[in-house]
Amino acid sequence: MEIKGKVVIVTGASSGIGEATAREFGREGAKVVLTARRLDRLETLAQEIHDMKTGAETLVIQADLSRLEDIESLITQTMNTFGRIDVLVNNAGFGRLNWLEKLDPEKDIEAQFDVNVLGLVQTTRHALPVMIKQRAGHIINMCSIAGLIATPTYTIYAACKHAVHGFSEALRREVKPWGIDVSMIYPGGVTTTEFGQHAGFKRKTRTTTPKLLLLSAEDVGRAVVQLVRRPRAMWLIPWLWIFPVLLNKLFPSIVDHSSIHKFTIPEREEELKAG
């Protein structure tokens, strides 16, 4: 797909991966619909894209994707302004990490499903009739390595990303006859986002993602643009993640043992002693 002039919706565009992705589409001269809850950040990004002088256009729409009326308004305003939707990047989402029994039922559990799963599903459902009528379109769903390897404290976040995987796989097989592509992108750890600020879990151990597997938000943004140029069903970035994913699939007991003894037990040590 030639990107210049194409209408691209990027959800969660006010920071992190969404912001970087919108900026990359701006560099390509696309018509970028920027949507998130923080209007001031969206307006700043829109001005930055205009200043690139690439011929890109922007439309700023404040929306909370846990609200169906906001999703409906997003699609309506996009169609009223640009008349079509070529690419939908479902990026909006957040994570709250902790032991399951310590997660708040509403703020941590329900809220994650509302945005990370239901918001993505409903946004796609409302954009889909437009793409079917066009007989063309591309839906890119931001998954995560957590959607393929579930680790301690990621119970709800991983469940959300596993749900997105299943949804995307089924949808891809539903809509291909209409000329619509569905892609899943699986970034590993991303250093330049607000994920860690909102996750909430303070680790005692020094268990971290190896530097070789870390990305920047800009790395992911460029990968999303590349997916539009050359669609594929799944893309793990960086590619080295394929080895841990295969290990988890073929020898889950090894990953269980490593996770439990290197992370879970050291992190729960005081609780286990008290119990």
Protein backbone atom coordinates (compact mmCIF):
# COMPACT_ATOMS: atom_id res chain seq x y z
CA MET A 1 0.00 0.00 0.00
CA GLU A 2 1.23 3.49 -0.86
CA ILE A 3 1.04 5.35 2.44
CA LYS A 4 1.02 8.97 1.28
CA GLY A 5 -2.53 10.32 1.39
CA LYS A 6 -3.95 7.25 3.11
CA VAL A 7 -6.28 7.72 6.10
CA VAL A 8 -4.76 6.16 9.22
CA ILE A 9 -6.40 6.04 12.66
CA VAL A 10 -3.94 5.63 15.56
CA THR A 11 -5.49 5.01 18.96
CA GLY A 12 -3.55 5.84 22.10
CA ALA A 13 -1.62 8.47 20.12
CA SER A 14 -0.85 10.78 23.04
CA SER A 15 2.32 8.98 24.16
CA GLY A 16 4.69 6.06 23.69
CA ILE A 17 4.19 3.68 20.80
CA GLY A 18 1.04 5.43 19.58
CA GLU A 19 2.74 8.81 19.44
CA ALA A 20 5.79 7.39 17.66
CA THR A 21 3.59 5.50 15.19
CA ALA A 22 1.52 8.59 14.36
CA ARG A 23 4.72 10.58 13.84
CA GLU A 24 6.04 7.95 11.41
CA PHE A 25 2.83 8.04 9.38
CA GLY A 26 3.10 11.84 9.37
CA ARG A 27 6.58 11.56 7.87
CA GLU A 28 5.06 9.43 5.11
CA GLY A 29 2.48 12.10 4.27
CA ALA A 30 -0.57 10.20 5.50
CA LYS A 31 -3.83 11.65 6.78
CA VAL A 32 -3.45 10.76 10.44
CA VAL A 33 -6.35 10.61 12.88
CA LEU A 34 -4.92 11.09 16.37
CA THR A 35 -7.08 9.82 19.19
CA ALA A 36 -6.56 9.43 22.94
CA ARG A 37 -7.90 10.94 26.15
CA ARG A 38 -5.27 13.67 26.56
CA LEU A 39 -6.29 16.38 24.13
CA ASP A 40 -3.37 18.74 24.79
CA ARG A 41 -0.81 16.10 23.86
CA LEU A 42 -2.68 15.21 20.69
CA GLU A 43 -2.77 18.85 19.61
CA THR A 44 0.97 19.22 20.24
CA LEU A 45 1.65 16.12 18.14
CA ALA A 46 -0.64 17.34 15.36
CA GLN A 47 1.31 20.60 15.18
CA GLU A 48 4.58 18.68 15.04
CA ILE A 49 3.30 16.61 12.12
CA HIS A 50 2.16 19.75 10.28
CA ASP A 51 5.60 21.28 10.79
CA MET A 52 7.20 18.33 8.98
CA LYS A 53 5.83 19.75 5.72
CA THR A 54 5.37 16.32 4.17
CA GLY A 55 1.83 17.00 3.01
CA ALA A 56 0.44 15.07 5.96
CA GLU A 57 -2.93 16.05 7.40
CA THR A 58 -4.17 15.43 10.92
CA LEU A 59 -7.48 15.14 12.71
CA VAL A 60 -7.48 15.28 16.50
CA ILE A 61 -10.29 13.44 18.27
CA GLN A 62 -10.44 13.12 22.04
CA ALA A 63 -11.83 9.70 22.95
CA ASP A 64 -11.97 7.20 25.78
CA LEU A 65 -12.16 3.77 24.17
CA SER A 66 -13.90 2.28 27.18
CA ARG A 67 -16.93 4.38 26.11
CA LEU A 68 -18.90 3.09 23.12
CA GLU A 69 -20.22 6.57 22.29
CA ASP A 70 -16.64 7.86 21.98
CA ILE A 71 -15.77 5.04 19.56
CA GLU A 72 -18.84 5.78 17.45
CA SER A 73 -17.90 9.47 17.38
CA LEU A 74 -14.32 8.61 16.36
CA ILE A 75 -15.46 6.71 13.28
CA THR A 76 -18.16 9.24 12.39
CA GLN A 77 -15.80 12.23 12.62
CA THR A 78 -13.15 10.41 10.58
CA MET A 79 -15.63 9.63 7.82
CA ASN A 80 -17.07 13.16 7.85
CA THR A 81 -13.58 14.61 7.43
CA PHE A 82 -11.78 12.15 5.16
CA GLY A 83 -14.52 9.89 3.75
CA ARG A 84 -12.62 6.63 4.20
CA ILE A 85 -10.44 4.57 6.56
CA ASP A 86 -7.42 2.80 5.09
CA VAL A 87 -5.53 1.73 8.20
CA LEU A 88 -6.64 1.24 11.81
CA VAL A 89 -3.83 0.91 14.35
CA ASN A 90 -5.34 -0.42 17.58
CA ASN A 91 -2.64 0.69 19.97
CA ALA A 92 -4.49 2.11 22.99
CA GLY A 93 -3.98 0.12 26.16
CA PHE A 94 -2.27 -0.06 29.52
CA GLY A 95 -1.04 -2.59 32.06
CA ARG A 96 -1.44 -2.96 35.80
CA LEU A 97 0.92 -5.55 37.22
CA ASN A 98 0.72 -7.28 40.58
CA TRP A 99 -0.13 -10.59 42.19
CA LEU A 100 -3.70 -11.39 41.17
CA GLU A 101 -5.11 -11.22 44.70
CA LYS A 102 -3.74 -7.68 45.06
CA LEU A 103 -5.22 -6.25 41.88
CA ASP A 104 -8.22 -3.96 42.33
CA PRO A 105 -11.31 -5.63 40.79
CA GLU A 106 -12.43 -2.49 38.95
CA LYS A 107 -9.41 -0.21 38.43
CA ASP A 108 -6.93 -2.96 37.61
CA ILE A 109 -8.92 -5.90 36.24
CA GLU A 110 -12.11 -4.60 34.61
CA ALA A 111 -10.46 -1.42 33.34
CA GLN A 112 -7.74 -3.39 31.52
CA PHE A 113 -10.29 -5.58 29.76
CA ASP A 114 -12.45 -2.55 28.96
CA VAL A 115 -9.67 -0.75 27.10
CA ASN A 116 -7.22 -3.44 26.01
CA VAL A 117 -9.81 -5.91 24.71
CA LEU A 118 -13.33 -4.46 24.45
CA GLY A 119 -12.13 -1.05 23.28
CA LEU A 120 -10.04 -2.68 20.55
CA VAL A 121 -12.87 -5.01 19.51
CA GLN A 122 -15.50 -2.26 19.39
CA THR A 123 -13.25 0.16 17.49
CA THR A 124 -12.54 -2.54 14.92
CA ARG A 125 -16.22 -3.48 14.68
CA HIS A 126 -17.21 0.12 13.93
CA ALA A 127 -14.44 0.64 11.35
CA LEU A 128 -14.99 -2.67 9.60
CA PRO A 129 -18.15 -1.79 7.60
CA VAL A 130 -16.25 1.13 6.07
CA MET A 131 -13.41 -1.13 4.96
CA ILE A 132 -15.80 -3.79 3.67
CA LYS A 133 -17.55 -1.18 1.54
CA GLN A 134 -14.16 -0.02 0.24
CA ARG A 135 -13.07 -3.63 -0.36
CA ALA A 136 -9.75 -2.59 1.15
CA GLY A 137 -8.16 -1.81 4.49
CA HIS A 138 -5.60 -2.89 7.05
CA ILE A 139 -6.18 -3.48 10.76
CA ILE A 140 -3.05 -3.63 12.92
CA ASN A 141 -3.50 -4.81 16.50
CA MET A 142 -0.81 -4.03 19.05
CA CYS A 143 -0.20 -7.28 20.87
CA SER A 144 2.74 -8.01 23.14
CA ILE A 145 5.17 -10.80 23.89
CA ALA A 146 2.95 -11.16 26.98
CA GLY A 147 0.32 -12.46 24.56
CA LEU A 148 2.60 -15.40 23.79
CA ILE A 149 4.54 -15.84 27.05
CA ALA A 150 2.59 -15.16 30.25
CA THR A 151 4.76 -14.37 33.25
CA PRO A 152 4.06 -13.74 36.97
CA THR A 153 2.28 -10.44 37.83
CA TYR A 154 1.09 -10.19 34.21
CA THR A 155 -2.04 -12.33 34.71
CA ILE A 156 -4.61 -9.79 33.52
CA TYR A 157 -2.43 -8.00 31.00
CA ALA A 158 -1.38 -11.32 29.48
CA ALA A 159 -5.00 -12.48 29.40
CA CYS A 160 -5.92 -9.32 27.49
CA LYS A 161 -3.15 -9.81 24.95
CA HIS A 162 -3.99 -13.51 24.52
CA ALA A 163 -7.56 -12.38 23.82
CA VAL A 164 -6.32 -9.90 21.21
CA HIS A 165 -4.32 -12.69 19.57
CA GLY A 166 -7.37 -14.95 19.29
CA PHE A 167 -9.58 -12.10 18.09
CA SER A 168 -7.06 -11.05 15.44
CA GLU A 169 -6.52 -14.57 14.15
CA ALA A 170 -10.24 -15.21 13.71
CA LEU A 171 -10.87 -11.77 12.21
CA ARG A 172 -8.07 -12.21 9.68
CA ARG A 173 -9.85 -15.28 8.34
CA GLU A 174 -13.22 -13.51 8.32
CA VAL A 175 -12.30 -10.39 6.38
CA LYS A 176 -9.61 -11.41 3.89
CA PRO A 177 -12.17 -12.00 1.10
CA TRP A 178 -13.04 -8.28 1.33
CA GLY A 179 -9.44 -7.27 0.63
CA ILE A 180 -8.77 -6.44 4.29
CA ASP A 181 -5.53 -7.41 6.02
CA VAL A 182 -5.28 -8.06 9.77
CA SER A 183 -1.85 -8.00 11.39
CA MET A 184 -0.59 -8.58 14.91
CA ILE A 185 2.64 -6.99 16.08
CA TYR A 186 4.39 -8.33 19.19
CA PRO A 187 6.97 -5.96 20.67
CA GLY A 188 9.11 -7.05 23.57
CA GLY A 189 10.12 -4.56 26.25
CA VAL A 190 9.86 -0.95 25.09
CA THR A 191 11.96 1.56 26.99
CA THR A 192 10.42 4.88 25.90
CA THR A 193 6.80 4.50 27.00
CA GLU A 194 4.73 5.24 30.10
CA PHE A 195 3.95 1.55 30.68
CA GLY A 196 6.28 1.21 33.65
CA GLN A 197 4.94 4.37 35.31
CA HIS A 198 1.40 3.01 35.37
CA ALA A 199 2.12 -0.70 35.90
CA GLY A 200 2.29 -0.27 39.67
CA PHE A 201 4.43 -3.28 40.62
CA LYS A 202 7.75 -2.53 42.34
CA ARG A 203 10.19 -5.38 41.82
CA LYS A 204 12.61 -6.47 44.53
CA THR A 205 14.70 -8.61 42.19
CA ARG A 206 16.77 -7.30 39.33
CA THR A 207 14.99 -9.47 36.77
CA THR A 208 14.74 -7.39 33.60
CA THR A 209 14.51 -7.88 29.85
CA PRO A 210 17.99 -8.31 28.31
CA LYS A 211 19.14 -5.18 26.44
CA LEU A 212 19.40 -7.21 23.23
CA LEU A 213 15.61 -7.64 23.30
CA LEU A 214 14.68 -4.04 24.19
CA LEU A 215 13.12 -1.58 21.75
CA SER A 216 12.28 2.10 21.59
CA ALA A 217 8.81 3.38 20.75
CA GLU A 218 10.27 4.65 17.48
CA ASP A 219 11.41 1.13 16.58
CA VAL A 220 7.84 -0.09 16.95
CA GLY A 221 6.42 2.88 15.05
CA ARG A 222 8.66 2.16 12.09
CA ALA A 223 7.68 -1.51 12.21
CA VAL A 224 3.98 -0.59 12.04
CA VAL A 225 4.58 1.50 8.92
CA GLN A 226 6.54 -1.39 7.42
CA LEU A 227 3.60 -3.71 8.15
CA VAL A 228 1.36 -1.46 6.09
CA ARG A 229 3.80 -1.64 3.19
CA ARG A 230 4.24 -5.40 3.46
CA PRO A 231 1.37 -7.00 5.40
CA ARG A 232 1.97 -10.16 7.38
CA ALA A 233 -0.15 -11.98 9.93
CA MET A 234 2.30 -11.83 12.86
CA TRP A 235 5.51 -9.99 13.54
CA LEU A 236 7.67 -10.46 16.63
CA ILE A 237 10.13 -7.63 17.22
CA PRO A 238 12.99 -7.96 17.67
CA TRP A 239 13.09 -11.30 15.86
CA LEU A 240 15.19 -12.90 18.60
CA TRP A 241 12.01 -13.26 20.67
CA ILE A 242 11.14 -16.25 18.50
CA PHE A 243 13.50 -18.40 20.61
CA PRO A 244 11.87 -17.71 24.03
CA VAL A 245 8.44 -18.08 22.40
CA LEU A 246 9.34 -21.47 20.96
CA LEU A 247 10.87 -22.55 24.27
CA ASN A 248 7.66 -21.59 26.08
CA LYS A 249 5.56 -23.51 23.54
CA LEU A 250 7.66 -26.65 23.30
CA PHE A 251 9.08 -26.90 26.83
CA PRO A 252 6.75 -24.96 29.17
CA SER A 253 8.09 -26.76 32.24
CA ILE A 254 11.50 -25.14 31.72
CA VAL A 255 9.92 -21.68 31.58
CA ASP A 256 7.77 -22.55 34.62
CA HIS A 257 10.81 -23.55 36.65
CA SER A 258 12.80 -20.48 35.66
CA SER A 259 9.93 -18.06 36.32
CA ILE A 260 9.03 -19.57 39.69
CA HIS A 261 12.56 -19.88 41.08
CA LYS A 262 14.14 -16.75 39.62
CA PHE A 263 11.18 -14.41 40.05
CA THR A 264 8.11 -15.62 41.93
CA ILE A 265 9.77 -17.10 45.01
CA PRO A 266 12.34 -14.28 45.49
CA GLU A 267 9.62 -11.66 45.02
CA ARG A 268 7.19 -13.40 47.42
CA GLU A 269 9.87 -14.36 49.91
CA GLU A 270 8.63 -12.20 52.81
CA GLU A 271 5.02 -13.30 52.25
CA LEU A 272 6.06 -16.96 52.16
CA LYS A 273 8.02 -16.58 55.42
CA ALA A 274 5.08 -14.84 57.09
CA GLY A 275 2.70 -17.53 55.87
